[in-house]
Amino acid sequence: MKKMIFSASICLFFVANSFAQNATTTSNTPLAPPVVVNPNAPKIMFKENEFDFKSVEEGPKVTHEFLFTNKGKEALVLSNVKASCGCTTPVWPKEPILPGQEGRILVTYNTAGRPGPFTKTITITSNADEPNKVITIRGAVTSVPEKNTVPIKEGNMLSPDNQ
């Protein structure tokens, strides 16, 4: 009798386990617990994922505005927006973006002392169905030509009379 109860409980365990695995879940690793997918989760949709500044002169800061819309059914909250380096500064909305509303992320790149091509990524962390989203800026910084100046020694100034 004990063997029969033990066998029945083992069978019930396997049946219950198979039903649990058929639920809508995702898992990144085989050992991680399953994560239930929220069908109402916010969805962040950018009008563009990349922006090319093309050619910009060295010195000034350049800024681009990335527009996005919450296409989900719940409020979108951006918990962090981080650039790949300190020369790039993002500014993002701290308040929730309701379903159907638009938001904007301003990305500023400091060109001073950075001649040459650049590609910088900005990682957005949020409560969206895709929790980490990456947008990119790129371009090429052209050096400002140095002016050729000749130092003038005191008492050795050139004037129209002594040229």
N, C-alpha and C. Protein backbone atom coordinates (compact mmCIF):
# COMPACT_ATOMS: atom_id res chain seq x y z
N MET A 1 0.81 -1.18 0.00
CA MET A 1 0.00 0.00 0.00
C MET A 1 0.86 1.26 0.00
N LYS A 2 1.94 1.26 0.79
CA LYS A 2 2.84 2.41 0.84
C LYS A 2 3.48 2.66 -0.52
N LYS A 3 3.83 1.57 -1.22
CA LYS A 3 4.45 1.70 -2.54
C LYS A 3 3.47 2.31 -3.54
N MET A 4 2.20 1.93 -3.42
CA MET A 4 1.19 2.44 -4.34
C MET A 4 0.96 3.95 -4.12
N ILE A 5 0.92 4.39 -2.88
CA ILE A 5 0.74 5.81 -2.58
C ILE A 5 1.97 6.59 -3.06
N PHE A 6 3.15 6.03 -2.81
CA PHE A 6 4.38 6.69 -3.25
C PHE A 6 4.40 6.82 -4.78
N SER A 7 4.03 5.78 -5.51
CA SER A 7 4.00 5.81 -6.98
C SER A 7 2.99 6.82 -7.48
N ALA A 8 1.82 6.89 -6.84
CA ALA A 8 0.79 7.85 -7.26
C ALA A 8 1.27 9.28 -7.04
N SER A 9 1.94 9.52 -5.91
CA SER A 9 2.43 10.89 -5.65
C SER A 9 3.52 11.28 -6.65
N ILE A 10 4.35 10.35 -7.05
CA ILE A 10 5.38 10.62 -8.07
C ILE A 10 4.71 10.97 -9.39
N CYS A 11 3.68 10.21 -9.77
CA CYS A 11 2.96 10.49 -11.03
C CYS A 11 2.32 11.87 -10.98
N LEU A 12 1.68 12.21 -9.87
CA LEU A 12 1.05 13.53 -9.73
C LEU A 12 2.09 14.64 -9.83
N PHE A 13 3.26 14.43 -9.27
CA PHE A 13 4.33 15.42 -9.34
C PHE A 13 4.71 15.69 -10.79
N PHE A 14 4.92 14.63 -11.57
CA PHE A 14 5.32 14.80 -12.98
C PHE A 14 4.21 15.43 -13.81
N VAL A 15 2.97 15.07 -13.57
CA VAL A 15 1.85 15.66 -14.31
C VAL A 15 1.75 17.15 -13.99
N ALA A 16 1.82 17.51 -12.71
CA ALA A 16 1.73 18.93 -12.31
C ALA A 16 2.90 19.71 -12.89
N ASN A 17 4.08 19.12 -12.91
CA ASN A 17 5.27 19.78 -13.44
C ASN A 17 5.13 20.03 -14.94
N SER A 18 4.55 19.10 -15.67
CA SER A 18 4.40 19.29 -17.12
C SER A 18 3.39 20.39 -17.41
N PHE A 19 2.32 20.53 -16.62
CA PHE A 19 1.36 21.62 -16.80
C PHE A 19 2.03 22.96 -16.51
N ALA A 20 2.86 23.02 -15.51
CA ALA A 20 3.53 24.28 -15.14
C ALA A 20 4.49 24.72 -16.25
N GLN A 21 5.13 23.78 -16.92
CA GLN A 21 6.08 24.13 -17.97
C GLN A 21 5.37 24.60 -19.23
N ASN A 22 4.11 24.27 -19.42
CA ASN A 22 3.38 24.70 -20.61
C ASN A 22 2.82 26.11 -20.49
N ALA A 23 2.94 26.75 -19.32
CA ALA A 23 2.48 28.14 -19.14
C ALA A 23 3.38 29.08 -19.94
N THR A 24 2.90 30.30 -20.20
CA THR A 24 3.68 31.28 -20.96
C THR A 24 4.80 31.82 -20.09
N THR A 25 6.00 31.29 -20.29
CA THR A 25 7.16 31.74 -19.52
C THR A 25 8.36 31.83 -20.43
N THR A 26 9.34 32.61 -19.97
CA THR A 26 10.62 32.67 -20.65
C THR A 26 11.71 32.56 -19.60
N SER A 27 12.87 32.11 -20.01
CA SER A 27 13.99 32.00 -19.09
C SER A 27 15.27 32.17 -19.89
N ASN A 28 16.20 32.96 -19.38
CA ASN A 28 17.47 33.19 -20.07
C ASN A 28 18.43 32.03 -19.90
N THR A 29 18.37 31.37 -18.78
CA THR A 29 19.25 30.24 -18.53
C THR A 29 18.42 29.06 -18.05
N PRO A 30 18.91 27.84 -18.28
CA PRO A 30 18.14 26.67 -17.88
C PRO A 30 17.92 26.59 -16.36
N LEU A 31 18.79 27.18 -15.56
CA LEU A 31 18.67 27.07 -14.12
C LEU A 31 17.89 28.24 -13.51
N ALA A 32 17.65 29.29 -14.27
CA ALA A 32 16.92 30.45 -13.75
C ALA A 32 15.44 30.13 -13.64
N PRO A 33 14.79 30.73 -12.65
CA PRO A 33 13.35 30.49 -12.55
C PRO A 33 12.63 31.14 -13.72
N PRO A 34 11.52 30.57 -14.15
CA PRO A 34 10.80 31.14 -15.29
C PRO A 34 10.25 32.53 -14.96
N VAL A 35 10.25 33.40 -15.97
CA VAL A 35 9.73 34.75 -15.83
C VAL A 35 8.44 34.82 -16.64
N VAL A 36 7.38 35.25 -16.00
CA VAL A 36 6.09 35.35 -16.68
C VAL A 36 6.08 36.61 -17.54
N VAL A 37 5.70 36.48 -18.81
CA VAL A 37 5.65 37.60 -19.74
C VAL A 37 4.34 38.36 -19.52
N ASN A 38 4.46 39.69 -19.38
CA ASN A 38 3.29 40.54 -19.18
C ASN A 38 2.76 40.99 -20.53
N PRO A 39 1.58 40.54 -20.96
CA PRO A 39 1.07 40.94 -22.27
C PRO A 39 0.69 42.42 -22.34
N ASN A 40 0.52 43.08 -21.18
CA ASN A 40 0.16 44.50 -21.15
C ASN A 40 1.38 45.42 -20.95
N ALA A 41 2.57 44.85 -20.95
CA ALA A 41 3.79 45.62 -20.67
C ALA A 41 3.94 46.80 -21.62
N PRO A 42 4.57 47.88 -21.14
CA PRO A 42 4.85 49.00 -22.03
C PRO A 42 5.77 48.55 -23.17
N LYS A 43 5.64 49.21 -24.31
CA LYS A 43 6.50 48.93 -25.47
C LYS A 43 7.08 50.26 -25.93
N ILE A 44 8.41 50.36 -25.89
CA ILE A 44 9.07 51.59 -26.30
C ILE A 44 9.42 51.48 -27.78
N MET A 45 8.87 52.40 -28.58
CA MET A 45 9.09 52.40 -30.03
C MET A 45 9.71 53.74 -30.42
N PHE A 46 10.95 53.70 -30.91
CA PHE A 46 11.65 54.90 -31.33
C PHE A 46 11.34 55.20 -32.80
N LYS A 47 11.27 56.49 -33.13
CA LYS A 47 11.09 56.88 -34.54
C LYS A 47 12.35 56.54 -35.32
N GLU A 48 13.50 56.58 -34.63
CA GLU A 48 14.78 56.18 -35.22
C GLU A 48 15.66 55.63 -34.11
N ASN A 49 16.42 54.61 -34.42
CA ASN A 49 17.32 54.00 -33.43
C ASN A 49 18.74 54.53 -33.56
N GLU A 50 19.04 55.19 -34.68
CA GLU A 50 20.37 55.73 -34.93
C GLU A 50 20.26 57.12 -35.51
N PHE A 51 21.28 57.95 -35.24
CA PHE A 51 21.35 59.26 -35.86
C PHE A 51 22.79 59.53 -36.26
N ASP A 52 22.98 60.01 -37.49
CA ASP A 52 24.31 60.32 -38.01
C ASP A 52 24.44 61.84 -38.13
N PHE A 53 25.35 62.41 -37.34
CA PHE A 53 25.63 63.84 -37.41
C PHE A 53 26.39 64.20 -38.67
N LYS A 54 26.86 63.20 -39.38
CA LYS A 54 27.71 63.38 -40.56
C LYS A 54 29.00 64.07 -40.12
N SER A 55 29.33 65.22 -40.70
CA SER A 55 30.58 65.91 -40.37
C SER A 55 30.28 67.15 -39.53
N VAL A 56 30.95 67.24 -38.38
CA VAL A 56 30.81 68.40 -37.50
C VAL A 56 32.19 68.93 -37.15
N GLU A 57 32.28 70.27 -36.96
CA GLU A 57 33.56 70.86 -36.59
C GLU A 57 33.87 70.61 -35.13
N GLU A 58 35.14 70.46 -34.84
CA GLU A 58 35.60 70.25 -33.48
C GLU A 58 35.34 71.49 -32.63
N GLY A 59 34.91 71.28 -31.41
CA GLY A 59 34.71 72.39 -30.49
C GLY A 59 33.35 72.42 -29.85
N PRO A 60 32.29 72.69 -30.62
CA PRO A 60 30.97 72.82 -29.97
C PRO A 60 30.36 71.46 -29.63
N LYS A 61 29.38 71.50 -28.73
CA LYS A 61 28.61 70.31 -28.41
C LYS A 61 27.49 70.20 -29.44
N VAL A 62 27.17 68.96 -29.87
CA VAL A 62 26.08 68.73 -30.80
C VAL A 62 25.03 67.87 -30.11
N THR A 63 23.76 68.15 -30.39
CA THR A 63 22.66 67.47 -29.70
C THR A 63 21.66 66.93 -30.71
N HIS A 64 21.12 65.75 -30.39
CA HIS A 64 20.04 65.18 -31.19
C HIS A 64 18.94 64.71 -30.25
N GLU A 65 17.69 64.84 -30.70
CA GLU A 65 16.53 64.45 -29.92
C GLU A 65 15.95 63.15 -30.50
N PHE A 66 15.95 62.10 -29.69
CA PHE A 66 15.34 60.83 -30.08
C PHE A 66 13.91 60.81 -29.55
N LEU A 67 12.94 60.68 -30.45
CA LEU A 67 11.53 60.63 -30.07
C LEU A 67 11.08 59.18 -29.97
N PHE A 68 10.25 58.88 -28.96
CA PHE A 68 9.72 57.53 -28.81
C PHE A 68 8.27 57.61 -28.35
N THR A 69 7.55 56.50 -28.53
CA THR A 69 6.16 56.39 -28.12
C THR A 69 5.98 55.12 -27.30
N ASN A 70 5.15 55.19 -26.27
CA ASN A 70 4.79 54.00 -25.50
C ASN A 70 3.63 53.33 -26.22
N LYS A 71 3.89 52.22 -26.87
CA LYS A 71 2.86 51.48 -27.62
C LYS A 71 2.23 50.36 -26.79
N GLY A 72 2.56 50.30 -25.50
CA GLY A 72 2.00 49.27 -24.64
C GLY A 72 0.71 49.71 -23.98
N LYS A 73 0.27 48.90 -23.01
CA LYS A 73 -1.00 49.17 -22.32
C LYS A 73 -0.79 49.66 -20.88
N GLU A 74 0.47 49.76 -20.45
CA GLU A 74 0.79 50.25 -19.11
C GLU A 74 1.78 51.40 -19.23
N ALA A 75 1.92 52.17 -18.15
CA ALA A 75 2.84 53.32 -18.14
C ALA A 75 4.29 52.85 -18.28
N LEU A 76 5.05 53.58 -19.09
CA LEU A 76 6.46 53.30 -19.32
C LEU A 76 7.30 54.16 -18.38
N VAL A 77 8.22 53.52 -17.65
CA VAL A 77 9.10 54.24 -16.74
C VAL A 77 10.54 53.95 -17.15
N LEU A 78 11.28 55.01 -17.51
CA LEU A 78 12.70 54.87 -17.83
C LEU A 78 13.47 54.98 -16.52
N SER A 79 14.07 53.88 -16.08
CA SER A 79 14.78 53.89 -14.81
C SER A 79 16.21 54.37 -14.94
N ASN A 80 16.81 54.21 -16.12
CA ASN A 80 18.18 54.68 -16.33
C ASN A 80 18.44 54.83 -17.82
N VAL A 81 19.22 55.85 -18.17
CA VAL A 81 19.67 56.04 -19.54
C VAL A 81 21.15 56.36 -19.43
N LYS A 82 21.99 55.49 -19.99
CA LYS A 82 23.44 55.60 -19.79
C LYS A 82 24.18 55.58 -21.12
N ALA A 83 25.09 56.54 -21.30
CA ALA A 83 25.91 56.61 -22.50
C ALA A 83 27.14 55.73 -22.35
N SER A 84 27.73 55.36 -23.49
CA SER A 84 28.89 54.47 -23.48
C SER A 84 30.16 55.16 -23.02
N CYS A 85 30.17 56.51 -22.95
CA CYS A 85 31.35 57.21 -22.44
C CYS A 85 30.94 58.57 -21.88
N GLY A 86 31.86 59.23 -21.21
CA GLY A 86 31.58 60.51 -20.57
C GLY A 86 31.44 61.68 -21.52
N CYS A 87 31.83 61.52 -22.78
CA CYS A 87 31.72 62.61 -23.75
C CYS A 87 30.30 62.74 -24.28
N THR A 88 29.43 61.81 -23.92
CA THR A 88 28.05 61.80 -24.39
C THR A 88 27.13 61.89 -23.18
N THR A 89 26.18 62.83 -23.22
CA THR A 89 25.29 63.07 -22.09
C THR A 89 23.84 62.92 -22.52
N PRO A 90 23.11 61.97 -21.94
CA PRO A 90 21.68 61.85 -22.23
C PRO A 90 20.83 62.56 -21.17
N VAL A 91 19.70 63.10 -21.60
CA VAL A 91 18.71 63.68 -20.69
C VAL A 91 17.38 63.02 -21.06
N TRP A 92 16.67 62.46 -20.06
CA TRP A 92 15.46 61.70 -20.34
C TRP A 92 14.36 62.07 -19.37
N PRO A 93 13.10 61.75 -19.71
CA PRO A 93 11.99 62.07 -18.82
C PRO A 93 12.00 61.17 -17.59
N LYS A 94 11.78 61.79 -16.44
CA LYS A 94 11.76 61.03 -15.18
C LYS A 94 10.34 60.59 -14.82
N GLU A 95 9.33 61.25 -15.40
CA GLU A 95 7.94 60.90 -15.11
C GLU A 95 7.49 59.77 -16.04
N PRO A 96 6.49 58.98 -15.62
CA PRO A 96 5.99 57.88 -16.46
C PRO A 96 5.40 58.40 -17.77
N ILE A 97 5.58 57.63 -18.83
CA ILE A 97 5.00 57.92 -20.14
C ILE A 97 3.79 57.00 -20.28
N LEU A 98 2.60 57.59 -20.32
CA LEU A 98 1.37 56.80 -20.40
C LEU A 98 1.22 56.14 -21.77
N PRO A 99 0.40 55.10 -21.88
CA PRO A 99 0.18 54.44 -23.18
C PRO A 99 -0.26 55.46 -24.23
N GLY A 100 0.37 55.39 -25.39
CA GLY A 100 0.06 56.29 -26.50
C GLY A 100 0.79 57.62 -26.45
N GLN A 101 1.42 57.95 -25.32
CA GLN A 101 2.13 59.22 -25.21
C GLN A 101 3.54 59.12 -25.78
N GLU A 102 4.06 60.30 -26.17
CA GLU A 102 5.43 60.39 -26.68
C GLU A 102 6.36 60.91 -25.60
N GLY A 103 7.62 60.55 -25.74
CA GLY A 103 8.68 61.06 -24.88
C GLY A 103 9.88 61.36 -25.75
N ARG A 104 10.89 62.00 -25.15
CA ARG A 104 12.10 62.33 -25.91
C ARG A 104 13.33 62.18 -25.04
N ILE A 105 14.38 61.73 -25.67
CA ILE A 105 15.68 61.63 -25.02
C ILE A 105 16.63 62.54 -25.80
N LEU A 106 17.21 63.53 -25.11
CA LEU A 106 18.19 64.42 -25.73
C LEU A 106 19.57 63.83 -25.50
N VAL A 107 20.34 63.68 -26.57
CA VAL A 107 21.69 63.14 -26.48
C VAL A 107 22.65 64.20 -26.98
N THR A 108 23.61 64.59 -26.12
CA THR A 108 24.60 65.62 -26.46
C THR A 108 25.98 65.00 -26.51
N TYR A 109 26.71 65.29 -27.59
CA TYR A 109 28.08 64.80 -27.76
C TYR A 109 29.02 66.00 -27.74
N ASN A 110 30.06 65.92 -26.92
CA ASN A 110 31.05 66.98 -26.82
C ASN A 110 32.18 66.72 -27.80
N THR A 111 32.30 67.57 -28.83
CA THR A 111 33.30 67.36 -29.89
C THR A 111 34.68 67.90 -29.53
N ALA A 112 34.78 68.70 -28.48
CA ALA A 112 36.05 69.36 -28.13
C ALA A 112 37.16 68.33 -27.88
N GLY A 113 38.24 68.46 -28.63
CA GLY A 113 39.40 67.58 -28.46
C GLY A 113 39.18 66.16 -28.94
N ARG A 114 38.21 65.94 -29.81
CA ARG A 114 37.89 64.58 -30.27
C ARG A 114 37.78 64.51 -31.79
N PRO A 115 38.84 64.88 -32.52
CA PRO A 115 38.74 64.78 -33.98
C PRO A 115 38.69 63.32 -34.43
N GLY A 116 38.00 63.10 -35.54
CA GLY A 116 37.90 61.76 -36.10
C GLY A 116 36.49 61.21 -35.99
N PRO A 117 36.29 59.99 -36.52
CA PRO A 117 34.95 59.39 -36.49
C PRO A 117 34.58 58.96 -35.07
N PHE A 118 33.28 58.94 -34.79
CA PHE A 118 32.80 58.48 -33.50
C PHE A 118 31.50 57.71 -33.67
N THR A 119 31.31 56.73 -32.79
CA THR A 119 30.06 55.98 -32.66
C THR A 119 29.85 55.78 -31.17
N LYS A 120 28.73 56.28 -30.66
CA LYS A 120 28.43 56.18 -29.23
C LYS A 120 27.05 55.54 -29.05
N THR A 121 26.95 54.67 -28.07
CA THR A 121 25.68 54.01 -27.79
C THR A 121 25.10 54.55 -26.49
N ILE A 122 23.78 54.55 -26.43
CA ILE A 122 23.05 54.97 -25.24
C ILE A 122 22.11 53.83 -24.90
N THR A 123 22.22 53.28 -23.69
CA THR A 123 21.40 52.16 -23.26
C THR A 123 20.28 52.66 -22.36
N ILE A 124 19.05 52.34 -22.75
CA ILE A 124 17.86 52.74 -22.00
C ILE A 124 17.36 51.53 -21.22
N THR A 125 17.26 51.67 -19.91
CA THR A 125 16.72 50.62 -19.05
C THR A 125 15.34 51.07 -18.59
N SER A 126 14.34 50.20 -18.77
CA SER A 126 12.96 50.57 -18.44
C SER A 126 12.15 49.34 -18.04
N ASN A 127 10.87 49.58 -17.79
CA ASN A 127 9.96 48.48 -17.47
C ASN A 127 9.25 47.96 -18.73
N ALA A 128 9.76 48.28 -19.90
CA ALA A 128 9.15 47.85 -21.16
C ALA A 128 9.32 46.35 -21.36
N ASP A 129 8.59 45.83 -22.35
CA ASP A 129 8.71 44.40 -22.67
C ASP A 129 10.13 44.05 -23.09
N GLU A 130 10.86 44.99 -23.63
CA GLU A 130 12.29 44.85 -23.92
C GLU A 130 13.00 45.77 -22.92
N PRO A 131 13.47 45.23 -21.77
CA PRO A 131 13.94 46.09 -20.69
C PRO A 131 15.19 46.91 -21.00
N ASN A 132 16.01 46.48 -21.95
CA ASN A 132 17.20 47.25 -22.33
C ASN A 132 17.14 47.52 -23.83
N LYS A 133 17.15 48.79 -24.18
CA LYS A 133 17.10 49.21 -25.58
C LYS A 133 18.31 50.08 -25.84
N VAL A 134 18.93 49.94 -27.01
CA VAL A 134 20.13 50.71 -27.35
C VAL A 134 19.85 51.60 -28.56
N ILE A 135 20.21 52.88 -28.43
CA ILE A 135 20.18 53.82 -29.54
C ILE A 135 21.60 54.29 -29.79
N THR A 136 21.87 54.82 -30.98
CA THR A 136 23.25 55.12 -31.38
C THR A 136 23.34 56.48 -32.05
N ILE A 137 24.44 57.19 -31.76
CA ILE A 137 24.80 58.39 -32.52
C ILE A 137 26.15 58.12 -33.16
N ARG A 138 26.37 58.75 -34.30
CA ARG A 138 27.65 58.60 -34.99
C ARG A 138 27.94 59.86 -35.78
N GLY A 139 29.13 59.94 -36.28
CA GLY A 139 29.53 61.09 -37.09
C GLY A 139 31.04 61.15 -37.19
N ALA A 140 31.51 62.27 -37.69
CA ALA A 140 32.96 62.50 -37.82
C ALA A 140 33.24 63.94 -37.43
N VAL A 141 34.19 64.12 -36.53
CA VAL A 141 34.59 65.45 -36.09
C VAL A 141 35.79 65.88 -36.91
N THR A 142 35.66 67.04 -37.58
CA THR A 142 36.77 67.57 -38.37
C THR A 142 37.53 68.59 -37.54
N SER A 143 38.84 68.52 -37.62
CA SER A 143 39.68 69.44 -36.87
C SER A 143 39.55 70.85 -37.41
N VAL A 144 39.56 71.81 -36.52
CA VAL A 144 39.57 73.21 -36.92
C VAL A 144 41.02 73.55 -37.22
N PRO A 145 41.30 74.08 -38.44
CA PRO A 145 42.69 74.37 -38.77
C PRO A 145 43.26 75.46 -37.86
N GLU A 146 44.50 75.22 -37.45
CA GLU A 146 45.18 76.21 -36.62
C GLU A 146 45.63 77.36 -37.49
N LYS A 147 45.55 78.57 -36.95
CA LYS A 147 46.02 79.73 -37.68
C LYS A 147 47.52 79.82 -37.53
N ASN A 148 48.20 80.05 -38.65
CA ASN A 148 49.65 80.20 -38.61
C ASN A 148 49.97 81.61 -38.11
N THR A 149 50.58 81.65 -36.98
CA THR A 149 50.98 82.94 -36.43
C THR A 149 52.47 82.92 -36.22
N VAL A 150 53.08 84.07 -36.47
CA VAL A 150 54.52 84.22 -36.27
C VAL A 150 54.70 85.09 -35.04
N PRO A 151 55.41 84.58 -34.07
CA PRO A 151 55.61 85.42 -32.89
C PRO A 151 56.43 86.67 -33.25
N ILE A 152 56.03 87.77 -32.70
CA ILE A 152 56.73 89.03 -32.97
C ILE A 152 57.61 89.34 -31.77
N LYS A 153 58.89 89.51 -32.06
CA LYS A 153 59.81 89.84 -30.99
C LYS A 153 59.71 91.33 -30.71
N GLU A 154 59.90 91.66 -29.46
CA GLU A 154 59.83 93.06 -29.05
C GLU A 154 60.89 93.87 -29.79
N GLY A 155 60.48 94.98 -30.36
CA GLY A 155 61.41 95.84 -31.08
C GLY A 155 61.68 95.38 -32.49
N ASN A 156 61.04 94.30 -32.92
CA ASN A 156 61.28 93.77 -34.27
C ASN A 156 59.95 93.71 -35.02
N MET A 157 59.12 94.73 -34.83
CA MET A 157 57.82 94.75 -35.46
C MET A 157 57.96 95.17 -36.91
N LEU A 158 57.15 94.55 -37.73
CA LEU A 158 57.13 94.89 -39.15
C LEU A 158 56.10 95.98 -39.37
N SER A 159 56.45 96.96 -40.13
CA SER A 159 55.51 98.00 -40.49
C SER A 159 55.66 98.24 -41.97
N PRO A 160 54.72 98.95 -42.58
CA PRO A 160 54.83 99.19 -44.01
C PRO A 160 56.14 99.91 -44.39
N ASP A 161 56.74 100.64 -43.44
CA ASP A 161 57.95 101.39 -43.75
C ASP A 161 59.20 100.49 -43.81
N ASN A 162 59.26 99.45 -42.98
CA ASN A 162 60.49 98.67 -42.96
C ASN A 162 60.31 97.26 -43.49
N GLN A 163 59.45 97.06 -44.43
CA GLN A 163 59.28 95.71 -45.02
C GLN A 163 60.26 95.50 -46.12
